[in-house]
C-alpha atoms as a PDB file:
ATOM      1  CA  MET A   1      -9.736 -64.930  27.582  1.00  0.00           C
ATOM      2  CA  PHE A   2      -8.589 -61.455  28.450  1.00  0.00           C
ATOM      3  CA  ALA A   3      -5.895 -61.342  26.696  1.00  0.00           C
ATOM      4  CA  LEU A   4      -8.285 -60.735  24.313  1.00  0.00           C
ATOM      5  CA  TYR A   5      -9.654 -57.988  25.765  1.00  0.00           C
ATOM      6  CA  LEU A   6      -6.626 -56.331  26.057  1.00  0.00           C
ATOM      7  CA  ARG A   7      -5.759 -57.133  22.784  1.00  0.00           C
ATOM      8  CA  VAL A   8      -8.520 -55.389  21.148  1.00  0.00           C
ATOM      9  CA  ASP A   9      -8.176 -52.710  24.067  1.00  0.00           C
ATOM     10  CA  GLU A  10      -4.694 -50.787  23.137  1.00  0.00           C
ATOM     11  CA  TYR A  11      -3.190 -53.376  26.260  1.00  0.00           C
ATOM     12  CA  ALA A  12      -5.386 -51.137  28.606  1.00  0.00           C
ATOM     13  CA  THR A  13      -8.723 -52.319  29.262  1.00  0.00           C
ATOM     14  CA  ASN A  14     -11.829 -51.006  31.236  1.00  0.00           C
ATOM     15  CA  THR A  15     -12.522 -53.904  33.717  1.00  0.00           C
ATOM     16  CA  GLU A  16     -15.805 -52.284  35.222  1.00  0.00           C
ATOM     17  CA  ILE A  17     -17.170 -53.134  31.736  1.00  0.00           C
ATOM     18  CA  ILE A  18     -15.864 -57.477  32.176  1.00  0.00           C
ATOM     19  CA  THR A  19     -17.378 -57.538  35.043  1.00  0.00           C
ATOM     20  CA  LYS A  20     -21.107 -56.557  34.249  1.00  0.00           C
ATOM     21  CA  ASP A  21     -20.579 -59.346  31.680  1.00  0.00           C
ATOM     22  CA  LEU A  22     -19.204 -62.057  33.701  1.00  0.00           C
ATOM     23  CA  SER A  23     -21.513 -60.964  36.682  1.00  0.00           C
ATOM     24  CA  GLN A  24     -18.299 -61.444  38.513  1.00  0.00           C
ATOM     25  CA  SER A  25     -17.095 -59.204  41.389  1.00  0.00           C
ATOM     26  CA  THR A  26     -14.755 -56.537  40.522  1.00  0.00           C
ATOM     27  CA  GLN A  27     -11.639 -57.587  42.439  1.00  0.00           C
ATOM     28  CA  SER A  28     -11.629 -60.896  40.946  1.00  0.00           C
ATOM     29  CA  ILE A  29     -11.435 -59.190  38.056  1.00  0.00           C
ATOM     30  CA  ASN A  30      -9.153 -57.244  38.433  1.00  0.00           C
ATOM     31  CA  MET A  31      -7.280 -59.874  40.636  1.00  0.00           C
ATOM     32  CA  LEU A  32      -6.926 -62.092  37.028  1.00  0.00           C
ATOM     33  CA  PHE A  33      -5.393 -59.129  35.316  1.00  0.00           C
ATOM     34  CA  LYS A  34      -3.054 -58.420  37.947  1.00  0.00           C
ATOM     35  CA  SER A  35      -1.964 -61.656  37.421  1.00  0.00           C
ATOM     36  CA  MET A  36      -1.689 -61.451  34.160  1.00  0.00           C
ATOM     37  CA  GLY A  37       1.105 -58.725  35.373  1.00  0.00           C
ATOM     38  CA  CYS A  38      -1.550 -55.704  34.469  1.00  0.00           C
ATOM     39  CA  GLN A  39      -1.045 -52.328  36.598  1.00  0.00           C
ATOM     40  CA  PHE A  40      -4.311 -50.214  37.226  1.00  0.00           C
ATOM     41  CA  THR A  41      -3.822 -46.880  36.625  1.00  0.00           C
ATOM     42  CA  LYS A  42      -5.583 -44.495  35.372  1.00  0.00           C
ATOM     43  CA  PRO A  43      -4.465 -43.091  31.750  1.00  0.00           C
ATOM     44  CA  THR A  44      -2.472 -40.176  30.162  1.00  0.00           C
ATOM     45  CA  VAL A  45      -3.616 -37.540  27.879  1.00  0.00           C
ATOM     46  CA  ALA A  46      -0.818 -39.288  26.029  1.00  0.00           C
ATOM     47  CA  ASP A  47      -2.882 -42.468  26.156  1.00  0.00           C
ATOM     48  CA  LEU A  48      -6.144 -40.998  25.900  1.00  0.00           C
ATOM     49  CA  LYS A  49      -4.091 -40.306  22.564  1.00  0.00           C
ATOM     50  CA  ARG A  50      -2.717 -43.836  21.274  1.00  0.00           C
ATOM     51  CA  LEU A  51      -5.950 -45.208  22.439  1.00  0.00           C
ATOM     52  CA  GLY A  52      -8.406 -42.398  20.905  1.00  0.00           C
ATOM     53  CA  LEU A  53     -10.646 -42.025  24.406  1.00  0.00           C
ATOM     54  CA  PRO A  54     -12.941 -38.791  24.731  1.00  0.00           C
ATOM     55  CA  ASP A  55     -10.524 -36.958  27.696  1.00  0.00           C
ATOM     56  CA  SER A  56     -13.073 -37.893  30.006  1.00  0.00           C
ATOM     57  CA  ALA A  57     -12.253 -41.439  30.281  1.00  0.00           C
ATOM     58  CA  ALA A  58      -9.315 -39.890  32.010  1.00  0.00           C
ATOM     59  CA  GLU A  59     -11.511 -40.997  35.507  1.00  0.00           C
ATOM     60  CA  THR A  60     -11.875 -44.210  35.313  1.00  0.00           C
ATOM     61  CA  LYS A  61      -8.704 -46.910  36.302  1.00  0.00           C
ATOM     62  CA  ARG A  62      -7.637 -49.417  33.429  1.00  0.00           C
ATOM     63  CA  ALA A  63      -5.549 -52.681  33.390  1.00  0.00           C
ATOM     64  CA  LEU A  64      -2.330 -51.363  31.108  1.00  0.00           C
ATOM     65  CA  LEU A  65      -0.343 -54.268  30.381  1.00  0.00           C
ATOM     66  CA  LYS A  66       3.072 -52.690  30.454  1.00  0.00           C
ATOM     67  CA  VAL A  67       6.618 -54.054  28.804  1.00  0.00           C
ATOM     68  CA  PRO A  68       8.392 -55.731  30.281  1.00  0.00           C
ATOM     69  CA  LEU A  69       6.258 -57.965  32.733  1.00  0.00           C
ATOM     70  CA  GLU A  70       6.111 -57.504  36.375  1.00  0.00           C
ATOM     71  CA  PHE A  71       4.200 -59.915  37.509  1.00  0.00           C
ATOM     72  CA  PRO A  72       2.555 -59.821  41.084  1.00  0.00           C
ATOM     73  CA  LYS A  73       5.342 -60.805  43.959  1.00  0.00           C
ATOM     74  CA  PRO A  74       4.236 -64.019  45.927  1.00  0.00           C
ATOM     75  CA  ARG A  75       3.106 -64.113  48.961  1.00  0.00           C
ATOM     76  CA  GLY A  76       5.148 -65.861  51.861  1.00  0.00           C
ATOM     77  CA  LYS A  77       4.030 -68.679  53.418  1.00  0.00           C
ATOM     78  CA  ARG A  78       2.319 -68.104  56.649  1.00  0.00           C
ATOM     79  CA  ARG A  79       3.451 -71.677  59.260  1.00  0.00           C
ATOM     80  CA  ARG A  80       0.794 -73.422  61.130  1.00  0.00           C
ATOM     81  CA  GLY A  81       0.179 -74.159  64.902  1.00  0.00           C
END
């Protein structure tokens, strides 16, 4: 479902809208987008023009899927005991 959000929004989606739609926390939704290889950045002027967004949209961070994909590094295992 998150891949569809990215595809419809030209691979740069606002996660705040999705969190309201799904009644989930922003942190959990952002973690799912990060696991797909997205980076969270404020859109540049070129991005705004490409996406057809107003200048006011530059203030909010968006989940952006860039090529080549960079997945998050796995965390190191802790020793128990």
